[in-house]
C-alpha cells in the first residue's frame, strides 16, 4: 500500500513533473518546427491537402500521450498537495 507523501516530497515531485512537462512540450514544439512536412515545397499538392490539419497530426501520438500523461500526473500531485493542506 502506498504511504502518503510528506509536503516536501509532494512539492519536489510537483517541481520535477513540471520540468518534465516543459521539457516534453519543448521537444514537441521542436519536432513540429523541424518536421519534414514543414520543409516541403508549398506547391506540392500533398502539402496543400494537409494545410488545414491540426498541428497534433504532425507529431508522434506516443509523444503527445506521454505529455498528457505527465500533465495528468501533475494534476494528481497538485490535488494531493491541496488535500494535505486541507487536513
C-alpha atoms as a PDB file:
ATOM      1  CA  UNK A   1       0.000   0.000   0.000  1.00  0.00           C
ATOM      2  CA  UNK A   2       1.249   3.486  -0.813  1.00  0.00           C
ATOM      3  CA  UNK A   3       2.253   5.597   2.141  1.00  0.00           C
ATOM      4  CA  UNK A   4       1.095   9.238   1.992  1.00  0.00           C
ATOM      5  CA  UNK A   5       3.814  11.609   0.855  1.00  0.00           C
ATOM      6  CA  UNK A   6       5.053  14.464   3.010  1.00  0.00           C
ATOM      7  CA  UNK A   7       4.506  18.047   1.890  1.00  0.00           C
ATOM      8  CA  UNK A   8       8.169  18.396   0.933  1.00  0.00           C
ATOM      9  CA  UNK A   9       8.110  15.168  -1.097  1.00  0.00           C
ATOM     10  CA  UNK A  10       4.976  16.324  -2.920  1.00  0.00           C
ATOM     11  CA  UNK A  11       6.490  19.729  -3.682  1.00  0.00           C
ATOM     12  CA  UNK A  12       9.650  18.073  -5.062  1.00  0.00           C
ATOM     13  CA  UNK A  13       7.617  15.681  -7.216  1.00  0.00           C
ATOM     14  CA  UNK A  14       5.485  18.589  -8.483  1.00  0.00           C
ATOM     15  CA  UNK A  15       8.584  20.585  -9.432  1.00  0.00           C
ATOM     16  CA  UNK A  16      10.089  17.560 -11.156  1.00  0.00           C
ATOM     17  CA  UNK A  17       6.861  16.846 -13.047  1.00  0.00           C
ATOM     18  CA  UNK A  18       6.601  20.487 -14.181  1.00  0.00           C
ATOM     19  CA  UNK A  19      10.151  20.325 -15.508  1.00  0.00           C
ATOM     20  CA  UNK A  20       9.351  17.067 -17.312  1.00  0.00           C
ATOM     21  CA  UNK A  21       6.251  18.612 -18.895  1.00  0.00           C
ATOM     22  CA  UNK A  22       8.164  21.696 -20.003  1.00  0.00           C
ATOM     23  CA  UNK A  23      10.910  19.537 -21.499  1.00  0.00           C
ATOM     24  CA  UNK A  24       8.436  17.289 -23.352  1.00  0.00           C
ATOM     25  CA  UNK A  25       6.399  20.259 -24.591  1.00  0.00           C
ATOM     26  CA  UNK A  26       9.558  21.933 -25.907  1.00  0.00           C
ATOM     27  CA  UNK A  27      10.547  18.710 -27.671  1.00  0.00           C
ATOM     28  CA  UNK A  28       7.121  18.508 -29.325  1.00  0.00           C
ATOM     29  CA  UNK A  29       7.371  22.132 -30.474  1.00  0.00           C
ATOM     30  CA  UNK A  30      10.833  21.463 -31.871  1.00  0.00           C
ATOM     31  CA  UNK A  31       9.618  18.342 -33.689  1.00  0.00           C
ATOM     32  CA  UNK A  32       6.752  20.297 -35.224  1.00  0.00           C
ATOM     33  CA  UNK A  33       9.093  23.083 -36.268  1.00  0.00           C
ATOM     34  CA  UNK A  34      11.690  20.764 -37.812  1.00  0.00           C
ATOM     35  CA  UNK A  35       9.230  18.269 -39.268  1.00  0.00           C
ATOM     36  CA  UNK A  36       9.973  17.286 -42.838  1.00  0.00           C
ATOM     37  CA  UNK A  37       6.400  18.356 -43.629  1.00  0.00           C
ATOM     38  CA  UNK A  38       7.439  21.942 -42.884  1.00  0.00           C
ATOM     39  CA  UNK A  39      10.238  21.779 -45.445  1.00  0.00           C
ATOM     40  CA  UNK A  40       8.148  20.568 -48.358  1.00  0.00           C
ATOM     41  CA  UNK A  41       7.616  22.698 -51.392  1.00  0.00           C
ATOM     42  CA  UNK A  42       4.290  24.530 -50.835  1.00  0.00           C
ATOM     43  CA  UNK A  43       3.433  23.954 -54.486  1.00  0.00           C
ATOM     44  CA  UNK A  44       3.193  20.224 -53.874  1.00  0.00           C
ATOM     45  CA  UNK A  45      -0.420  19.075 -53.905  1.00  0.00           C
ATOM     46  CA  UNK A  46       0.017  16.902 -50.774  1.00  0.00           C
ATOM     47  CA  UNK A  47       1.094  19.965 -48.802  1.00  0.00           C
ATOM     48  CA  UNK A  48      -1.996  21.879 -49.778  1.00  0.00           C
ATOM     49  CA  UNK A  49      -4.222  18.924 -48.914  1.00  0.00           C
ATOM     50  CA  UNK A  50      -2.793  18.845 -45.371  1.00  0.00           C
ATOM     51  CA  UNK A  51      -2.646  22.593 -44.904  1.00  0.00           C
ATOM     52  CA  UNK A  52      -5.604  22.810 -42.508  1.00  0.00           C
ATOM     53  CA  UNK A  53      -4.752  19.725 -40.462  1.00  0.00           C
ATOM     54  CA  UNK A  54      -4.153  20.413 -36.769  1.00  0.00           C
ATOM     55  CA  UNK A  55      -0.501  20.513 -35.729  1.00  0.00           C
ATOM     56  CA  UNK A  56      -1.017  17.481 -33.482  1.00  0.00           C
ATOM     57  CA  UNK A  57      -1.286  15.316 -36.587  1.00  0.00           C
ATOM     58  CA  UNK A  58       2.354  16.022 -37.417  1.00  0.00           C
ATOM     59  CA  UNK A  59       3.554  14.813 -34.024  1.00  0.00           C
ATOM     60  CA  UNK A  60       4.027  11.242 -32.920  1.00  0.00           C
ATOM     61  CA  UNK A  61       0.936  10.303 -30.965  1.00  0.00           C
ATOM     62  CA  UNK A  62       3.068   8.455 -28.383  1.00  0.00           C
ATOM     63  CA  UNK A  63       4.891  11.683 -27.547  1.00  0.00           C
ATOM     64  CA  UNK A  64       1.626  13.546 -27.187  1.00  0.00           C
ATOM     65  CA  UNK A  65       0.207  10.779 -24.999  1.00  0.00           C
ATOM     66  CA  UNK A  66       3.305  10.924 -22.781  1.00  0.00           C
ATOM     67  CA  UNK A  67       2.876  14.668 -22.363  1.00  0.00           C
ATOM     68  CA  UNK A  68      -0.808  14.301 -21.479  1.00  0.00           C
ATOM     69  CA  UNK A  69       0.026  11.532 -19.015  1.00  0.00           C
ATOM     70  CA  UNK A  70       2.627  13.742 -17.326  1.00  0.00           C
ATOM     71  CA  UNK A  71       0.080  16.571 -17.124  1.00  0.00           C
ATOM     72  CA  UNK A  72      -2.430  14.193 -15.519  1.00  0.00           C
ATOM     73  CA  UNK A  73       0.223  13.057 -13.030  1.00  0.00           C
ATOM     74  CA  UNK A  74       0.933  16.687 -12.169  1.00  0.00           C
ATOM     75  CA  UNK A  75      -2.748  17.380 -11.605  1.00  0.00           C
ATOM     76  CA  UNK A  76      -2.959  14.378  -9.272  1.00  0.00           C
ATOM     77  CA  UNK A  77       0.082  15.573  -7.310  1.00  0.00           C
ATOM     78  CA  UNK A  78      -1.413  19.066  -7.029  1.00  0.00           C
ATOM     79  CA  UNK A  79      -4.658  17.540  -5.765  1.00  0.00           C
ATOM     80  CA  UNK A  80      -2.751  15.550  -3.145  1.00  0.00           C
ATOM     81  CA  UNK A  81      -0.968  18.702  -2.018  1.00  0.00           C
ATOM     82  CA  UNK A  82      -4.268  20.570  -1.773  1.00  0.00           C
ATOM     83  CA  UNK A  83      -5.792  17.697   0.220  1.00  0.00           C
ATOM     84  CA  UNK A  84      -2.765  17.741   2.533  1.00  0.00           C
ATOM     85  CA  UNK A  85      -3.227  21.485   3.107  1.00  0.00           C
ATOM     86  CA  UNK A  86      -6.911  20.990   3.951  1.00  0.00           C
ATOM     87  CA  UNK A  87      -6.128  18.469   6.705  1.00  0.00           C
END
